[in-house]
Amino acid sequence: MGASASAPQIFVAVLGASNYTFACATPRQTLDDWVDALVRASSTSMVCPV
């Protein structure tokens, strides 16, 4: 890693007893990064509306 690089932050979402797991890397741990990761997780087949 260069002087301006930083380690990625890993976001993991797990859906209860279904064994579905979603993970992605984000550049920081800001609210914007967390919301973006949550939106990405909910737009996958991991989450289905009831």
Protein backbone atom coordinates (compact mmCIF):
# COMPACT_ATOMS: atom_id res chain seq x y z
CA MET A 1 0.00 0.00 0.00
CA GLY A 2 1.19 3.48 -0.84
CA ALA A 3 1.34 6.44 1.51
CA SER A 4 -2.18 7.59 0.59
CA ALA A 5 -3.79 4.13 0.62
CA SER A 6 -5.74 2.76 3.53
CA ALA A 7 -7.09 -0.65 4.41
CA PRO A 8 -10.61 -1.36 3.13
CA GLN A 9 -13.44 -1.71 5.61
CA ILE A 10 -15.53 -4.87 5.34
CA PHE A 11 -19.33 -4.73 5.63
CA VAL A 12 -21.07 -8.06 6.33
CA ALA A 13 -24.82 -8.66 6.49
CA VAL A 14 -26.29 -12.01 7.52
CA LEU A 15 -29.91 -13.02 7.08
CA GLY A 16 -30.92 -15.04 10.15
CA ALA A 17 -31.37 -18.78 9.85
CA SER A 18 -31.24 -18.83 6.04
CA ASN A 19 -27.44 -19.04 5.67
CA TYR A 20 -27.44 -16.02 3.32
CA THR A 21 -24.42 -13.77 3.79
CA PHE A 22 -23.51 -10.59 1.94
CA ALA A 23 -20.11 -8.91 2.18
CA CYS A 24 -18.51 -5.94 0.43
CA ALA A 25 -15.57 -3.63 0.94
CA THR A 26 -16.01 0.08 1.61
CA PRO A 27 -13.32 2.76 1.69
CA ARG A 28 -14.27 4.12 5.13
CA GLN A 29 -16.68 3.58 8.02
CA THR A 30 -18.84 6.64 7.41
CA LEU A 31 -22.63 6.70 7.51
CA ASP A 32 -22.73 7.14 3.72
CA ASP A 33 -20.56 4.05 3.22
CA TRP A 34 -22.70 2.02 5.63
CA VAL A 35 -25.97 3.06 3.98
CA ASP A 36 -24.56 2.32 0.52
CA ALA A 37 -23.48 -1.16 1.65
CA LEU A 38 -26.88 -1.78 3.24
CA VAL A 39 -28.65 -0.73 0.03
CA ARG A 40 -26.36 -3.01 -1.99
CA ALA A 41 -27.11 -5.90 0.39
CA SER A 42 -30.86 -5.37 0.21
CA SER A 43 -30.81 -5.15 -3.60
CA THR A 44 -29.34 -8.64 -3.92
CA SER A 45 -31.36 -11.84 -3.79
CA MET A 46 -30.39 -12.08 -0.11
CA VAL A 47 -33.43 -10.06 0.95
CA CYS A 48 -36.93 -10.60 -0.39
CA PRO A 49 -39.98 -8.59 0.65
CA VAL A 50 -42.71 -10.34 2.58
